[in-house]
């Protein structure tokens, strides 16, 4: 799945940033409680598997290519 964040997000202490103008690969966060209701996903921000969790309203699905 590919998503675009609805705003910029920063993961404190890591320097990881999700830019609202970019598209990122993501997967469903099926290991979290109530992930279906929350529409929780993990967004991958680097090639080393670094991820950030977002929930419904914090992202939109897209068919654009990842950058």
N, C-alpha and C. Protein backbone atom coordinates (compact mmCIF):
# COMPACT_ATOMS: atom_id res chain seq x y z
N UNK A 1 0.84 -1.16 0.00
CA UNK A 1 0.00 0.00 0.00
C UNK A 1 0.89 1.23 0.00
N UNK A 2 0.41 2.30 -0.62
CA UNK A 2 1.14 3.57 -0.62
C UNK A 2 0.25 4.64 -0.01
N UNK A 3 0.87 5.48 0.80
CA UNK A 3 0.10 6.53 1.48
C UNK A 3 0.82 7.88 1.38
N UNK A 4 0.05 8.93 1.65
CA UNK A 4 0.60 10.26 1.76
C UNK A 4 0.11 10.85 3.08
N UNK A 5 1.01 11.26 3.97
CA UNK A 5 0.58 11.84 5.25
C UNK A 5 -0.23 13.12 5.02
N UNK A 6 -1.18 13.40 5.91
CA UNK A 6 -1.99 14.61 5.78
C UNK A 6 -1.26 15.84 6.30
N UNK A 7 -0.21 15.62 7.11
CA UNK A 7 0.65 16.72 7.57
C UNK A 7 2.03 16.16 7.83
N UNK A 8 2.99 17.02 8.12
CA UNK A 8 4.35 16.57 8.41
C UNK A 8 4.40 15.94 9.81
N UNK A 9 5.14 14.84 9.92
CA UNK A 9 5.31 14.16 11.20
C UNK A 9 6.80 13.98 11.47
N UNK A 10 7.19 14.12 12.75
CA UNK A 10 8.57 13.91 13.17
C UNK A 10 8.57 12.90 14.30
N UNK A 11 9.44 11.89 14.21
CA UNK A 11 9.59 10.90 15.26
C UNK A 11 10.70 11.40 16.18
N UNK A 12 10.33 11.92 17.33
CA UNK A 12 11.29 12.54 18.25
C UNK A 12 12.39 11.58 18.65
N UNK A 13 13.59 12.11 18.73
CA UNK A 13 14.75 11.33 19.15
C UNK A 13 15.42 10.57 18.02
N UNK A 14 14.81 10.56 16.83
CA UNK A 14 15.39 9.81 15.71
C UNK A 14 15.73 10.70 14.52
N UNK A 15 15.08 11.84 14.42
CA UNK A 15 15.28 12.70 13.26
C UNK A 15 14.47 12.25 12.06
N UNK A 16 13.67 11.19 12.21
CA UNK A 16 12.84 10.68 11.11
C UNK A 16 11.70 11.66 10.84
N UNK A 17 11.48 11.93 9.57
CA UNK A 17 10.43 12.88 9.17
C UNK A 17 9.58 12.26 8.07
N UNK A 18 8.26 12.42 8.20
CA UNK A 18 7.34 12.10 7.11
C UNK A 18 6.88 13.44 6.54
N UNK A 19 7.16 13.65 5.28
CA UNK A 19 6.83 14.89 4.59
C UNK A 19 5.47 14.74 3.94
N UNK A 20 4.54 15.67 4.19
CA UNK A 20 3.19 15.57 3.65
C UNK A 20 3.14 15.66 2.12
N UNK A 21 4.23 16.08 1.50
CA UNK A 21 4.28 16.20 0.05
C UNK A 21 4.87 14.96 -0.63
N UNK A 22 5.23 13.94 0.17
CA UNK A 22 5.82 12.72 -0.38
C UNK A 22 4.90 11.52 -0.17
N UNK A 23 5.16 10.48 -0.94
CA UNK A 23 4.41 9.22 -0.85
C UNK A 23 5.34 8.16 -0.27
N UNK A 24 4.80 7.35 0.64
CA UNK A 24 5.60 6.34 1.34
C UNK A 24 4.93 4.96 1.25
N UNK A 25 5.73 3.89 1.29
CA UNK A 25 5.14 2.56 1.39
C UNK A 25 4.64 2.34 2.82
N UNK A 26 3.61 1.53 2.96
CA UNK A 26 3.04 1.26 4.27
C UNK A 26 2.43 -0.13 4.31
N UNK A 27 2.19 -0.62 5.52
CA UNK A 27 1.51 -1.90 5.70
C UNK A 27 0.55 -1.79 6.87
N UNK A 28 -0.45 -2.64 6.88
CA UNK A 28 -1.45 -2.64 7.94
C UNK A 28 -0.79 -3.09 9.24
N UNK A 29 -1.08 -2.38 10.32
CA UNK A 29 -0.48 -2.67 11.63
C UNK A 29 -1.31 -3.72 12.35
N UNK A 30 -1.36 -4.93 11.79
CA UNK A 30 -2.24 -5.98 12.30
C UNK A 30 -1.83 -6.52 13.66
N UNK A 31 -0.67 -6.16 14.15
CA UNK A 31 -0.23 -6.62 15.48
C UNK A 31 -0.71 -5.70 16.61
N UNK A 32 -1.41 -4.63 16.27
CA UNK A 32 -1.89 -3.69 17.29
C UNK A 32 -3.35 -3.96 17.63
N UNK A 33 -3.75 -3.71 18.88
CA UNK A 33 -5.15 -3.89 19.25
C UNK A 33 -6.05 -2.93 18.46
N UNK A 34 -7.19 -3.41 18.06
CA UNK A 34 -8.18 -2.59 17.34
C UNK A 34 -7.64 -1.93 16.09
N UNK A 35 -6.66 -2.56 15.42
CA UNK A 35 -6.05 -1.94 14.24
C UNK A 35 -7.05 -1.68 13.13
N UNK A 36 -8.08 -2.52 13.01
CA UNK A 36 -9.06 -2.32 11.95
C UNK A 36 -9.91 -1.08 12.21
N UNK A 37 -10.37 -0.91 13.42
CA UNK A 37 -11.18 0.27 13.77
C UNK A 37 -10.35 1.54 13.69
N UNK A 38 -9.11 1.46 14.13
CA UNK A 38 -8.22 2.62 14.12
C UNK A 38 -7.62 2.89 12.75
N UNK A 39 -7.72 1.89 11.84
CA UNK A 39 -7.08 1.95 10.52
C UNK A 39 -5.60 2.27 10.67
N UNK A 40 -4.98 1.56 11.62
CA UNK A 40 -3.56 1.77 11.95
C UNK A 40 -2.66 1.15 10.89
N UNK A 41 -1.62 1.87 10.53
CA UNK A 41 -0.64 1.39 9.55
C UNK A 41 0.77 1.72 10.02
N UNK A 42 1.74 1.01 9.48
CA UNK A 42 3.14 1.34 9.66
C UNK A 42 3.63 1.95 8.35
N UNK A 43 4.22 3.13 8.44
CA UNK A 43 4.75 3.84 7.28
C UNK A 43 6.26 3.71 7.31
N UNK A 44 6.84 3.26 6.20
CA UNK A 44 8.29 3.04 6.13
C UNK A 44 8.97 4.26 5.54
N UNK A 45 9.83 4.89 6.35
CA UNK A 45 10.45 6.14 5.94
C UNK A 45 11.90 5.97 5.47
N UNK A 46 12.48 4.77 5.59
CA UNK A 46 13.84 4.56 5.07
C UNK A 46 14.00 3.14 4.56
N UNK A 47 15.12 2.87 3.93
CA UNK A 47 15.38 1.54 3.34
C UNK A 47 15.81 0.51 4.38
N UNK A 48 16.02 0.94 5.62
CA UNK A 48 16.48 0.04 6.66
C UNK A 48 15.33 -0.49 7.52
N UNK A 49 14.10 -0.23 7.11
CA UNK A 49 12.94 -0.74 7.84
C UNK A 49 12.40 0.17 8.92
N UNK A 50 12.93 1.38 9.02
CA UNK A 50 12.40 2.33 10.00
C UNK A 50 10.95 2.65 9.68
N UNK A 51 10.11 2.62 10.71
CA UNK A 51 8.70 2.87 10.46
C UNK A 51 8.09 3.75 11.54
N UNK A 52 6.96 4.32 11.19
CA UNK A 52 6.20 5.19 12.07
C UNK A 52 4.74 4.76 11.97
N UNK A 53 4.02 4.73 13.07
CA UNK A 53 2.62 4.33 13.03
C UNK A 53 1.72 5.55 12.84
N UNK A 54 0.78 5.42 11.91
CA UNK A 54 -0.24 6.45 11.71
C UNK A 54 -1.60 5.80 11.80
N UNK A 55 -2.62 6.61 12.11
CA UNK A 55 -3.99 6.12 12.20
C UNK A 55 -4.90 6.90 11.27
N UNK A 56 -6.15 6.45 11.19
CA UNK A 56 -7.16 7.07 10.35
C UNK A 56 -7.16 8.60 10.51
N UNK A 57 -7.20 9.29 9.40
CA UNK A 57 -7.18 10.75 9.42
C UNK A 57 -5.80 11.35 9.32
N UNK A 58 -4.78 10.54 9.57
CA UNK A 58 -3.40 11.03 9.52
C UNK A 58 -2.74 10.72 8.19
N UNK A 59 -3.46 10.02 7.29
CA UNK A 59 -2.91 9.66 5.98
C UNK A 59 -4.04 9.46 4.99
N UNK A 60 -3.69 9.48 3.71
CA UNK A 60 -4.62 9.11 2.65
C UNK A 60 -3.93 8.08 1.77
N UNK A 61 -4.69 7.10 1.30
CA UNK A 61 -4.13 6.11 0.38
C UNK A 61 -3.99 6.76 -0.99
N UNK A 62 -2.97 6.34 -1.73
CA UNK A 62 -2.73 6.91 -3.05
C UNK A 62 -2.18 5.85 -3.99
N UNK A 63 -2.27 6.14 -5.27
CA UNK A 63 -1.68 5.25 -6.28
C UNK A 63 -0.42 5.88 -6.87
N UNK A 64 -0.04 7.05 -6.34
CA UNK A 64 1.19 7.71 -6.80
C UNK A 64 2.38 6.84 -6.44
N UNK A 65 3.48 7.05 -7.15
CA UNK A 65 4.71 6.30 -6.88
C UNK A 65 5.41 6.83 -5.64
N UNK A 66 6.05 5.94 -4.92
CA UNK A 66 6.84 6.32 -3.74
C UNK A 66 8.09 7.05 -4.19
N UNK A 67 8.53 7.98 -3.38
CA UNK A 67 9.74 8.76 -3.71
C UNK A 67 10.94 8.25 -2.97
